[in-house]
């Protein structure tokens, strides 16, 4: 087995490292705070739930697209309205400075959306990327869109988004 680094391998590892750093990005946390609502936890007997003398809280996050309320942060995503890698541009053509600038953007380009909206938007963007590949190869005649933005509900992907179903053990 060769220990040689290919350009694609290096790009992938650097991209993943930058995404890990982005996860702790203060503006990302601020977007989550913006959509978070806290409520005191109440026991079944009606008394407040306490831990180490402090009132325990439960947090809800509201999707900025559909308004669904999610109990955990695992079901809410801080998403770039305008994707980090622009539609119609291969990742390999995007320079590192532009990638970092687009990843660590202002709050105007970030929003908190639920897992269902995120899956729909991601499916749509991937479908458009696939259309761009066909367009650049010459097998598709009409030019695909270059932006989805917050109006992604108006676009329909070529295939339906299937909800994630837990596997039975």
Protein backbone atom coordinates (compact mmCIF):
# COMPACT_ATOMS: atom_id res chain seq x y z
CA UNK A 1 0.00 0.00 0.00
CA UNK A 2 1.35 3.40 -0.98
CA UNK A 3 1.57 6.25 1.52
CA UNK A 4 1.48 8.85 -1.24
CA UNK A 5 -0.93 11.74 -0.93
CA UNK A 6 -2.93 12.51 -4.02
CA UNK A 7 -4.33 15.98 -4.64
CA UNK A 8 -7.87 14.68 -4.13
CA UNK A 9 -6.91 12.97 -0.84
CA UNK A 10 -5.22 16.11 0.47
CA UNK A 11 -8.16 18.32 -0.59
CA UNK A 12 -10.61 15.96 1.14
CA UNK A 13 -8.64 15.89 4.41
CA UNK A 14 -8.20 19.67 4.47
CA UNK A 15 -11.88 20.21 3.70
CA UNK A 16 -12.92 17.90 6.56
CA UNK A 17 -10.51 19.66 8.96
CA UNK A 18 -11.96 23.06 8.01
CA UNK A 19 -15.52 21.73 8.51
CA UNK A 20 -14.57 20.57 12.04
CA UNK A 21 -13.26 24.05 12.85
CA UNK A 22 -16.42 25.59 11.34
CA UNK A 23 -18.52 23.52 13.76
CA UNK A 24 -17.15 25.73 16.60
CA UNK A 25 -17.46 28.97 14.58
CA UNK A 26 -19.02 31.68 16.85
CA UNK A 27 -21.47 32.89 14.18
CA UNK A 28 -22.72 29.31 13.74
CA UNK A 29 -23.39 29.17 17.47
CA UNK A 30 -25.11 32.59 17.30
CA UNK A 31 -27.51 31.32 14.62
CA UNK A 32 -28.44 28.38 16.87
CA UNK A 33 -28.96 30.75 19.81
CA UNK A 34 -31.22 32.92 17.65
CA UNK A 35 -33.69 30.07 17.07
CA UNK A 36 -33.42 28.51 20.54
CA UNK A 37 -36.18 28.74 23.13
CA UNK A 38 -35.57 27.48 26.66
CA UNK A 39 -38.19 26.11 29.03
CA UNK A 40 -37.82 24.89 32.62
CA UNK A 41 -38.04 21.12 33.00
CA UNK A 42 -40.97 20.02 35.15
CA UNK A 43 -41.28 16.63 36.84
CA UNK A 44 -44.45 14.56 36.50
CA UNK A 45 -45.56 15.69 39.97
CA UNK A 46 -45.41 19.34 38.83
CA UNK A 47 -42.29 20.36 40.75
CA UNK A 48 -39.31 21.90 38.95
CA UNK A 49 -36.51 19.51 37.99
CA UNK A 50 -33.32 20.51 39.80
CA UNK A 51 -29.69 19.46 39.48
CA UNK A 52 -27.03 20.66 41.89
CA UNK A 53 -29.41 23.31 43.15
CA UNK A 54 -30.13 24.77 39.69
CA UNK A 55 -33.29 24.62 37.64
CA UNK A 56 -32.87 22.23 34.68
CA UNK A 57 -33.87 23.58 31.26
CA UNK A 58 -35.03 22.00 28.03
CA UNK A 59 -34.23 23.65 24.71
CA UNK A 60 -36.28 23.78 21.53
CA UNK A 61 -35.02 25.00 18.16
CA UNK A 62 -37.36 26.32 15.49
CA UNK A 63 -36.69 25.77 11.79
CA UNK A 64 -36.38 29.10 9.99
CA UNK A 65 -37.91 27.61 6.85
CA UNK A 66 -40.96 25.57 7.88
CA UNK A 67 -41.37 26.54 11.56
CA UNK A 68 -41.11 22.98 12.92
CA UNK A 69 -39.83 22.80 16.48
CA UNK A 70 -37.06 20.32 17.22
CA UNK A 71 -36.04 19.25 20.71
CA UNK A 72 -32.39 18.47 20.04
CA UNK A 73 -29.64 20.24 18.17
CA UNK A 74 -29.01 16.99 16.25
CA UNK A 75 -32.21 17.64 14.29
CA UNK A 76 -31.38 21.26 13.43
CA UNK A 77 -28.69 22.29 10.96
CA UNK A 78 -26.94 25.61 10.49
CA UNK A 79 -26.94 25.76 6.72
CA UNK A 80 -25.38 28.14 4.20
CA UNK A 81 -28.13 29.80 2.16
CA UNK A 82 -25.69 30.22 -0.72
CA UNK A 83 -23.66 26.95 -0.75
CA UNK A 84 -19.98 26.94 0.18
CA UNK A 85 -19.18 25.37 -3.19
CA UNK A 86 -21.25 27.34 -5.73
CA UNK A 87 -23.64 25.34 -7.90
CA UNK A 88 -22.07 24.70 -11.29
CA UNK A 89 -18.51 24.91 -9.92
CA UNK A 90 -16.52 21.74 -9.24
CA UNK A 91 -14.83 21.63 -5.83
CA UNK A 92 -11.45 21.26 -7.51
CA UNK A 93 -11.88 24.64 -9.29
CA UNK A 94 -12.58 26.52 -6.05
CA UNK A 95 -9.48 28.14 -4.53
CA UNK A 96 -8.72 27.66 -0.84
CA UNK A 97 -9.06 31.36 0.03
CA UNK A 98 -12.51 31.50 -1.60
CA UNK A 99 -13.54 28.22 0.10
CA UNK A 100 -12.54 29.51 3.55
CA UNK A 101 -14.21 32.87 2.91
CA UNK A 102 -17.46 31.19 1.85
CA UNK A 103 -17.36 28.67 4.72
CA UNK A 104 -16.76 31.28 7.45
CA UNK A 105 -19.30 33.78 6.09
CA UNK A 106 -21.48 36.41 7.76
CA UNK A 107 -24.74 35.60 9.56
CA UNK A 108 -26.67 36.91 6.53
CA UNK A 109 -25.75 33.71 4.65
CA UNK A 110 -26.54 31.30 7.52
CA UNK A 111 -29.87 29.94 8.72
CA UNK A 112 -31.04 27.17 11.03
CA UNK A 113 -33.23 24.58 9.31
CA UNK A 114 -34.64 21.24 10.46
CA UNK A 115 -33.38 17.88 9.21
CA UNK A 116 -36.30 17.49 6.78
CA UNK A 117 -35.75 20.89 5.12
CA UNK A 118 -31.97 20.31 5.10
CA UNK A 119 -32.40 16.92 3.38
CA UNK A 120 -34.71 18.49 0.78
CA UNK A 121 -32.35 21.40 0.09
CA UNK A 122 -29.28 19.14 -0.08
CA UNK A 123 -31.05 16.73 -2.45
CA UNK A 124 -32.05 19.64 -4.66
CA UNK A 125 -28.55 21.13 -4.72
CA UNK A 126 -27.01 17.72 -5.53
CA UNK A 127 -29.55 17.27 -8.33
CA UNK A 128 -28.63 20.68 -9.75
CA UNK A 129 -24.91 19.81 -9.50
CA UNK A 130 -25.63 16.62 -11.46
CA UNK A 131 -27.49 18.67 -14.10
CA UNK A 132 -24.46 20.98 -14.36
CA UNK A 133 -22.18 18.00 -14.98
CA UNK A 134 -24.47 16.84 -17.82
CA UNK A 135 -24.68 20.39 -19.18
CA UNK A 136 -20.88 20.77 -19.23
CA UNK A 137 -20.51 17.38 -20.97
CA UNK A 138 -22.99 18.55 -23.61
CA UNK A 139 -25.65 15.92 -22.89
CA UNK A 140 -28.13 18.50 -21.53
CA UNK A 141 -29.09 21.50 -23.62
CA UNK A 142 -30.68 23.92 -21.12
CA UNK A 143 -28.55 25.64 -18.49
CA UNK A 144 -29.42 24.63 -14.89
CA UNK A 145 -30.03 27.22 -12.15
CA UNK A 146 -27.06 28.69 -10.30
CA UNK A 147 -28.82 29.50 -7.02
CA UNK A 148 -31.37 27.89 -4.76
CA UNK A 149 -31.29 30.17 -1.71
CA UNK A 150 -34.26 30.36 0.64
CA UNK A 151 -36.71 29.74 -2.22
CA UNK A 152 -35.82 26.06 -2.49
CA UNK A 153 -39.38 25.05 -1.63
CA UNK A 154 -40.40 26.29 -5.12
CA UNK A 155 -37.91 23.94 -6.81
CA UNK A 156 -38.69 20.26 -7.22
CA UNK A 157 -35.85 17.73 -7.34
CA UNK A 158 -35.91 15.05 -10.02
CA UNK A 159 -36.34 12.39 -7.36
CA UNK A 160 -38.32 12.42 -4.14
CA UNK A 161 -36.67 12.91 -0.74
CA UNK A 162 -37.31 9.80 1.34
CA UNK A 163 -37.49 10.28 5.12
CA UNK A 164 -34.86 8.46 7.14
CA UNK A 165 -36.35 5.33 8.70
CA UNK A 166 -34.51 3.69 11.62
CA UNK A 167 -33.32 0.17 10.89
CA UNK A 168 -34.86 -2.62 12.95
CA UNK A 169 -32.35 -4.71 14.81
